């Protein structure tokens, strides 16, 4: 291929896109939830013929009916934070995700609830060495808290369920740890 030939550049770009798209699914994502593979993952990978998370946003009342288990909601939310919508994933890895928004600024955090206490986190959930989580006690609940450059993650077990709160938005350089801990406390 000769340099500076616009046709060759166009062909190269089209071929690159074609090759890359061949490696990706042609169907749209089935979940409105952000990818969480870097935080938690199931113990075994799901088969391709098993149901995927829903792409339908639900109310809390609707997701409670679909889930088949008691969905916990926070009783406390910071000022300007409100419930946005929920999603529900059916077995073999059932879970409910509640999404919360910050005023008109969009999604602020999400809470994932799974009906299995001690759901196995990705080995990197508390950092590569496993020591990047701060262990906190809220009444009789042990909470693991991790702050990264772009997120705050809280993980805990209660009443036979595993919970994860993931804050992915907010004011730049602001840490919301105290507010997030109040949310966790209000759920237990």
C-alpha atoms as a PDB file:
ATOM      1  CA  UNK A   1       0.000   0.000   0.000  1.00  0.00           C
ATOM      2  CA  UNK A   2       1.409   3.381  -0.939  1.00  0.00           C
ATOM      3  CA  UNK A   3       1.445   6.227   1.540  1.00  0.00           C
ATOM      4  CA  UNK A   4      -0.882   9.211   1.292  1.00  0.00           C
ATOM      5  CA  UNK A   5      -3.308   7.483  -1.071  1.00  0.00           C
ATOM      6  CA  UNK A   6      -6.811   8.390   0.203  1.00  0.00           C
ATOM      7  CA  UNK A   7      -8.375   5.297  -1.394  1.00  0.00           C
ATOM      8  CA  UNK A   8      -5.890   2.992   0.347  1.00  0.00           C
ATOM      9  CA  UNK A   9      -6.561   4.741   3.678  1.00  0.00           C
ATOM     10  CA  UNK A  10     -10.305   4.357   3.185  1.00  0.00           C
ATOM     11  CA  UNK A  11      -9.976   0.670   2.269  1.00  0.00           C
ATOM     12  CA  UNK A  12      -7.724   0.072   5.279  1.00  0.00           C
ATOM     13  CA  UNK A  13     -10.213   1.825   7.606  1.00  0.00           C
ATOM     14  CA  UNK A  14     -13.175  -0.119   6.211  1.00  0.00           C
ATOM     15  CA  UNK A  15     -11.312  -3.428   6.495  1.00  0.00           C
ATOM     16  CA  UNK A  16     -10.265  -2.628  10.059  1.00  0.00           C
ATOM     17  CA  UNK A  17     -13.854  -1.819  11.030  1.00  0.00           C
ATOM     18  CA  UNK A  18     -15.076  -4.951   9.275  1.00  0.00           C
ATOM     19  CA  UNK A  19     -12.545  -7.141  11.074  1.00  0.00           C
ATOM     20  CA  UNK A  20     -13.251  -5.559  14.439  1.00  0.00           C
ATOM     21  CA  UNK A  21     -17.000  -5.823  14.034  1.00  0.00           C
ATOM     22  CA  UNK A  22     -16.602  -9.475  13.121  1.00  0.00           C
ATOM     23  CA  UNK A  23     -15.161 -10.005  16.585  1.00  0.00           C
ATOM     24  CA  UNK A  24     -18.068  -8.325  18.312  1.00  0.00           C
ATOM     25  CA  UNK A  25     -21.725  -9.169  18.624  1.00  0.00           C
ATOM     26  CA  UNK A  26     -23.979  -7.653  15.996  1.00  0.00           C
ATOM     27  CA  UNK A  27     -26.873  -7.511  18.441  1.00  0.00           C
ATOM     28  CA  UNK A  28     -27.254  -4.566  20.795  1.00  0.00           C
ATOM     29  CA  UNK A  29     -26.296  -5.056  24.440  1.00  0.00           C
ATOM     30  CA  UNK A  30     -28.991  -6.747  26.466  1.00  0.00           C
ATOM     31  CA  UNK A  31     -28.480  -4.740  29.619  1.00  0.00           C
ATOM     32  CA  UNK A  32     -28.681  -1.087  30.480  1.00  0.00           C
ATOM     33  CA  UNK A  33     -26.274  -1.746  33.336  1.00  0.00           C
ATOM     34  CA  UNK A  34     -22.650  -0.754  32.917  1.00  0.00           C
ATOM     35  CA  UNK A  35     -20.292  -3.679  32.549  1.00  0.00           C
ATOM     36  CA  UNK A  36     -19.206  -4.998  35.902  1.00  0.00           C
ATOM     37  CA  UNK A  37     -16.876  -7.800  34.946  1.00  0.00           C
ATOM     38  CA  UNK A  38     -13.989  -5.930  36.520  1.00  0.00           C
ATOM     39  CA  UNK A  39     -15.781  -5.826  39.886  1.00  0.00           C
ATOM     40  CA  UNK A  40     -17.564  -9.171  40.218  1.00  0.00           C
ATOM     41  CA  UNK A  41     -18.077 -12.161  38.022  1.00  0.00           C
ATOM     42  CA  UNK A  42     -19.994 -15.418  38.389  1.00  0.00           C
ATOM     43  CA  UNK A  43     -18.067 -18.494  39.481  1.00  0.00           C
ATOM     44  CA  UNK A  44     -18.596 -20.024  36.058  1.00  0.00           C
ATOM     45  CA  UNK A  45     -19.266 -18.367  32.729  1.00  0.00           C
ATOM     46  CA  UNK A  46     -22.880 -18.573  31.534  1.00  0.00           C
ATOM     47  CA  UNK A  47     -23.678 -20.698  28.496  1.00  0.00           C
ATOM     48  CA  UNK A  48     -24.625 -18.838  25.334  1.00  0.00           C
ATOM     49  CA  UNK A  49     -28.158 -20.274  25.389  1.00  0.00           C
ATOM     50  CA  UNK A  50     -28.930 -19.074  28.922  1.00  0.00           C
ATOM     51  CA  UNK A  51     -31.028 -15.933  29.452  1.00  0.00           C
ATOM     52  CA  UNK A  52     -29.175 -12.631  29.664  1.00  0.00           C
ATOM     53  CA  UNK A  53     -30.063  -9.608  31.809  1.00  0.00           C
ATOM     54  CA  UNK A  54     -33.162  -7.754  30.770  1.00  0.00           C
ATOM     55  CA  UNK A  55     -32.881  -4.574  28.789  1.00  0.00           C
ATOM     56  CA  UNK A  56     -36.195  -3.340  30.127  1.00  0.00           C
ATOM     57  CA  UNK A  57     -36.178  -0.693  32.838  1.00  0.00           C
ATOM     58  CA  UNK A  58     -38.603  -1.527  35.644  1.00  0.00           C
ATOM     59  CA  UNK A  59     -40.032   0.144  38.705  1.00  0.00           C
ATOM     60  CA  UNK A  60     -39.099  -1.297  42.099  1.00  0.00           C
ATOM     61  CA  UNK A  61     -42.562  -2.851  42.453  1.00  0.00           C
ATOM     62  CA  UNK A  62     -42.242  -4.558  39.055  1.00  0.00           C
ATOM     63  CA  UNK A  63     -38.749  -5.877  39.714  1.00  0.00           C
ATOM     64  CA  UNK A  64     -39.811  -7.242  43.108  1.00  0.00           C
ATOM     65  CA  UNK A  65     -42.423  -9.388  41.353  1.00  0.00           C
ATOM     66  CA  UNK A  66     -39.969 -10.545  38.678  1.00  0.00           C
ATOM     67  CA  UNK A  67     -37.066 -11.287  40.996  1.00  0.00           C
ATOM     68  CA  UNK A  68     -38.744 -13.895  43.148  1.00  0.00           C
ATOM     69  CA  UNK A  69     -36.961 -12.564  46.242  1.00  0.00           C
ATOM     70  CA  UNK A  70     -37.274  -9.592  48.588  1.00  0.00           C
ATOM     71  CA  UNK A  71     -35.536  -6.630  46.973  1.00  0.00           C
ATOM     72  CA  UNK A  72     -33.957  -4.295  49.516  1.00  0.00           C
ATOM     73  CA  UNK A  73     -34.211  -0.560  48.912  1.00  0.00           C
ATOM     74  CA  UNK A  74     -32.278   2.161  50.693  1.00  0.00           C
ATOM     75  CA  UNK A  75     -34.358   4.198  53.122  1.00  0.00           C
ATOM     76  CA  UNK A  76     -31.806   7.006  52.946  1.00  0.00           C
ATOM     77  CA  UNK A  77     -30.687   8.867  49.829  1.00  0.00           C
ATOM     78  CA  UNK A  78     -28.506  12.003  49.700  1.00  0.00           C
ATOM     79  CA  UNK A  79     -30.092  15.313  48.650  1.00  0.00           C
ATOM     80  CA  UNK A  80     -30.944  15.449  44.939  1.00  0.00           C
ATOM     81  CA  UNK A  81     -30.501  11.665  44.559  1.00  0.00           C
ATOM     82  CA  UNK A  82     -33.520   9.619  43.502  1.00  0.00           C
ATOM     83  CA  UNK A  83     -34.400   6.197  42.144  1.00  0.00           C
ATOM     84  CA  UNK A  84     -34.145   6.028  38.340  1.00  0.00           C
ATOM     85  CA  UNK A  85     -35.004   2.443  37.302  1.00  0.00           C
ATOM     86  CA  UNK A  86     -34.301  -1.217  38.034  1.00  0.00           C
ATOM     87  CA  UNK A  87     -33.277  -4.252  35.995  1.00  0.00           C
ATOM     88  CA  UNK A  88     -33.637  -7.936  36.764  1.00  0.00           C
ATOM     89  CA  UNK A  89     -31.561 -10.893  35.654  1.00  0.00           C
ATOM     90  CA  UNK A  90     -33.103 -14.353  35.852  1.00  0.00           C
ATOM     91  CA  UNK A  91     -31.313 -17.604  36.802  1.00  0.00           C
ATOM     92  CA  UNK A  92     -28.762 -19.065  36.599  1.00  0.00           C
ATOM     93  CA  UNK A  93     -27.267 -15.823  38.002  1.00  0.00           C
ATOM     94  CA  UNK A  94     -30.315 -13.994  39.375  1.00  0.00           C
ATOM     95  CA  UNK A  95     -29.832 -10.438  40.536  1.00  0.00           C
ATOM     96  CA  UNK A  96     -31.556  -7.093  40.695  1.00  0.00           C
ATOM     97  CA  UNK A  97     -29.852  -3.790  39.978  1.00  0.00           C
ATOM     98  CA  UNK A  98     -31.321  -0.526  41.245  1.00  0.00           C
ATOM     99  CA  UNK A  99     -30.091   2.636  39.494  1.00  0.00           C
ATOM    100  CA  UNK A 100     -30.083   6.039  41.138  1.00  0.00           C
ATOM    101  CA  UNK A 101     -29.626   9.443  39.530  1.00  0.00           C
ATOM    102  CA  UNK A 102     -28.219  12.691  40.863  1.00  0.00           C
ATOM    103  CA  UNK A 103     -30.715  15.463  40.042  1.00  0.00           C
ATOM    104  CA  UNK A 104     -30.703  16.088  36.309  1.00  0.00           C
ATOM    105  CA  UNK A 105     -27.021  15.088  36.017  1.00  0.00           C
ATOM    106  CA  UNK A 106     -27.778  11.445  35.221  1.00  0.00           C
ATOM    107  CA  UNK A 107     -26.774   8.170  36.825  1.00  0.00           C
ATOM    108  CA  UNK A 108     -24.936   8.454  40.124  1.00  0.00           C
ATOM    109  CA  UNK A 109     -24.720   4.935  41.553  1.00  0.00           C
ATOM    110  CA  UNK A 110     -26.227   1.478  41.352  1.00  0.00           C
ATOM    111  CA  UNK A 111     -26.905  -1.274  43.865  1.00  0.00           C
ATOM    112  CA  UNK A 112     -26.751  -4.925  42.808  1.00  0.00           C
ATOM    113  CA  UNK A 113     -28.444  -7.533  45.001  1.00  0.00           C
ATOM    114  CA  UNK A 114     -27.875 -11.274  44.515  1.00  0.00           C
ATOM    115  CA  UNK A 115     -29.681 -14.019  46.468  1.00  0.00           C
ATOM    116  CA  UNK A 116     -26.508 -15.728  47.597  1.00  0.00           C
ATOM    117  CA  UNK A 117     -24.515 -14.579  50.523  1.00  0.00           C
ATOM    118  CA  UNK A 118     -20.832 -14.385  49.790  1.00  0.00           C
ATOM    119  CA  UNK A 119     -21.158 -14.122  45.995  1.00  0.00           C
ATOM    120  CA  UNK A 120     -17.687 -14.657  44.667  1.00  0.00           C
ATOM    121  CA  UNK A 121     -16.030 -11.399  43.675  1.00  0.00           C
ATOM    122  CA  UNK A 122     -13.528 -11.106  40.920  1.00  0.00           C
ATOM    123  CA  UNK A 123     -10.098 -11.683  42.514  1.00  0.00           C
ATOM    124  CA  UNK A 124      -9.267  -8.033  41.760  1.00  0.00           C
ATOM    125  CA  UNK A 125     -12.327  -6.626  43.591  1.00  0.00           C
ATOM    126  CA  UNK A 126     -10.016  -5.474  46.401  1.00  0.00           C
ATOM    127  CA  UNK A 127      -7.030  -4.857  44.149  1.00  0.00           C
ATOM    128  CA  UNK A 128      -4.492  -7.180  42.620  1.00  0.00           C
ATOM    129  CA  UNK A 129      -3.027  -8.006  46.034  1.00  0.00           C
ATOM    130  CA  UNK A 130      -6.452  -8.159  47.689  1.00  0.00           C
ATOM    131  CA  UNK A 131      -5.566  -5.484  50.217  1.00  0.00           C
ATOM    132  CA  UNK A 132      -6.988  -2.333  48.631  1.00  0.00           C
ATOM    133  CA  UNK A 133     -10.336  -2.521  50.439  1.00  0.00           C
ATOM    134  CA  UNK A 134     -10.970  -0.815  53.719  1.00  0.00           C
ATOM    135  CA  UNK A 135     -12.945  -3.070  56.077  1.00  0.00           C
ATOM    136  CA  UNK A 136     -15.687  -1.166  57.899  1.00  0.00           C
ATOM    137  CA  UNK A 137     -18.283  -2.246  60.435  1.00  0.00           C
ATOM    138  CA  UNK A 138     -21.867  -0.925  60.238  1.00  0.00           C
ATOM    139  CA  UNK A 139     -23.712  -2.429  63.189  1.00  0.00           C
ATOM    140  CA  UNK A 140     -23.331  -6.195  62.595  1.00  0.00           C
ATOM    141  CA  UNK A 141     -22.523  -5.855  58.854  1.00  0.00           C
ATOM    142  CA  UNK A 142     -18.960  -5.957  57.535  1.00  0.00           C
ATOM    143  CA  UNK A 143     -18.551  -3.681  54.523  1.00  0.00           C
ATOM    144  CA  UNK A 144     -15.609  -3.687  52.145  1.00  0.00           C
ATOM    145  CA  UNK A 145     -14.961  -0.225  50.700  1.00  0.00           C
ATOM    146  CA  UNK A 146     -12.666   0.493  47.784  1.00  0.00           C
ATOM    147  CA  UNK A 147     -11.866   3.837  46.219  1.00  0.00           C
ATOM    148  CA  UNK A 148     -10.362   3.869  42.733  1.00  0.00           C
ATOM    149  CA  UNK A 149      -9.613   6.801  40.465  1.00  0.00           C
ATOM    150  CA  UNK A 150     -13.124   6.769  38.978  1.00  0.00           C
ATOM    151  CA  UNK A 151     -15.343   4.755  41.337  1.00  0.00           C
ATOM    152  CA  UNK A 152     -16.272   3.934  44.891  1.00  0.00           C
ATOM    153  CA  UNK A 153     -17.309   0.342  45.555  1.00  0.00           C
ATOM    154  CA  UNK A 154     -18.962  -1.043  48.679  1.00  0.00           C
ATOM    155  CA  UNK A 155     -19.535  -4.796  49.104  1.00  0.00           C
ATOM    156  CA  UNK A 156     -21.418  -6.561  51.907  1.00  0.00           C
ATOM    157  CA  UNK A 157     -23.571  -9.575  52.796  1.00  0.00           C
ATOM    158  CA  UNK A 158     -26.820  -9.464  54.724  1.00  0.00           C
ATOM    159  CA  UNK A 159     -29.801 -11.745  55.198  1.00  0.00           C
ATOM    160  CA  UNK A 160     -28.627 -14.385  52.708  1.00  0.00           C
ATOM    161  CA  UNK A 161     -27.868 -11.809  49.999  1.00  0.00           C
ATOM    162  CA  UNK A 162     -24.754 -10.297  48.524  1.00  0.00           C
ATOM    163  CA  UNK A 163     -24.797  -6.554  47.768  1.00  0.00           C
ATOM    164  CA  UNK A 164     -22.575  -4.224  45.750  1.00  0.00           C
ATOM    165  CA  UNK A 165     -22.938  -0.466  45.584  1.00  0.00           C
ATOM    166  CA  UNK A 166     -20.991   1.104  42.730  1.00  0.00           C
ATOM    167  CA  UNK A 167     -20.702   4.886  42.437  1.00  0.00           C
ATOM    168  CA  UNK A 168     -19.484   5.869  38.993  1.00  0.00           C
ATOM    169  CA  UNK A 169     -20.446   9.545  38.741  1.00  0.00           C
ATOM    170  CA  UNK A 170     -20.521  12.679  40.837  1.00  0.00           C
ATOM    171  CA  UNK A 171     -18.575  15.859  41.320  1.00  0.00           C
ATOM    172  CA  UNK A 172     -14.946  15.648  40.146  1.00  0.00           C
ATOM    173  CA  UNK A 173     -12.476  14.676  42.879  1.00  0.00           C
ATOM    174  CA  UNK A 174     -15.228  14.348  45.486  1.00  0.00           C
ATOM    175  CA  UNK A 175     -15.353  11.275  47.700  1.00  0.00           C
ATOM    176  CA  UNK A 176     -18.852  10.231  48.762  1.00  0.00           C
ATOM    177  CA  UNK A 177     -17.844   7.550  51.273  1.00  0.00           C
ATOM    178  CA  UNK A 178     -19.838   8.937  54.229  1.00  0.00           C
ATOM    179  CA  UNK A 179     -23.027   9.335  52.171  1.00  0.00           C
ATOM    180  CA  UNK A 180     -22.630   5.869  50.637  1.00  0.00           C
ATOM    181  CA  UNK A 181     -22.169   4.306  54.074  1.00  0.00           C
ATOM    182  CA  UNK A 182     -25.421   5.979  55.212  1.00  0.00           C
ATOM    183  CA  UNK A 183     -27.141   4.355  52.224  1.00  0.00           C
ATOM    184  CA  UNK A 184     -25.763   0.927  53.180  1.00  0.00           C
ATOM    185  CA  UNK A 185     -26.799   1.429  56.809  1.00  0.00           C
ATOM    186  CA  UNK A 186     -30.335   2.370  55.729  1.00  0.00           C
ATOM    187  CA  UNK A 187     -30.686  -0.950  53.901  1.00  0.00           C
ATOM    188  CA  UNK A 188     -29.861  -3.113  56.922  1.00  0.00           C
END
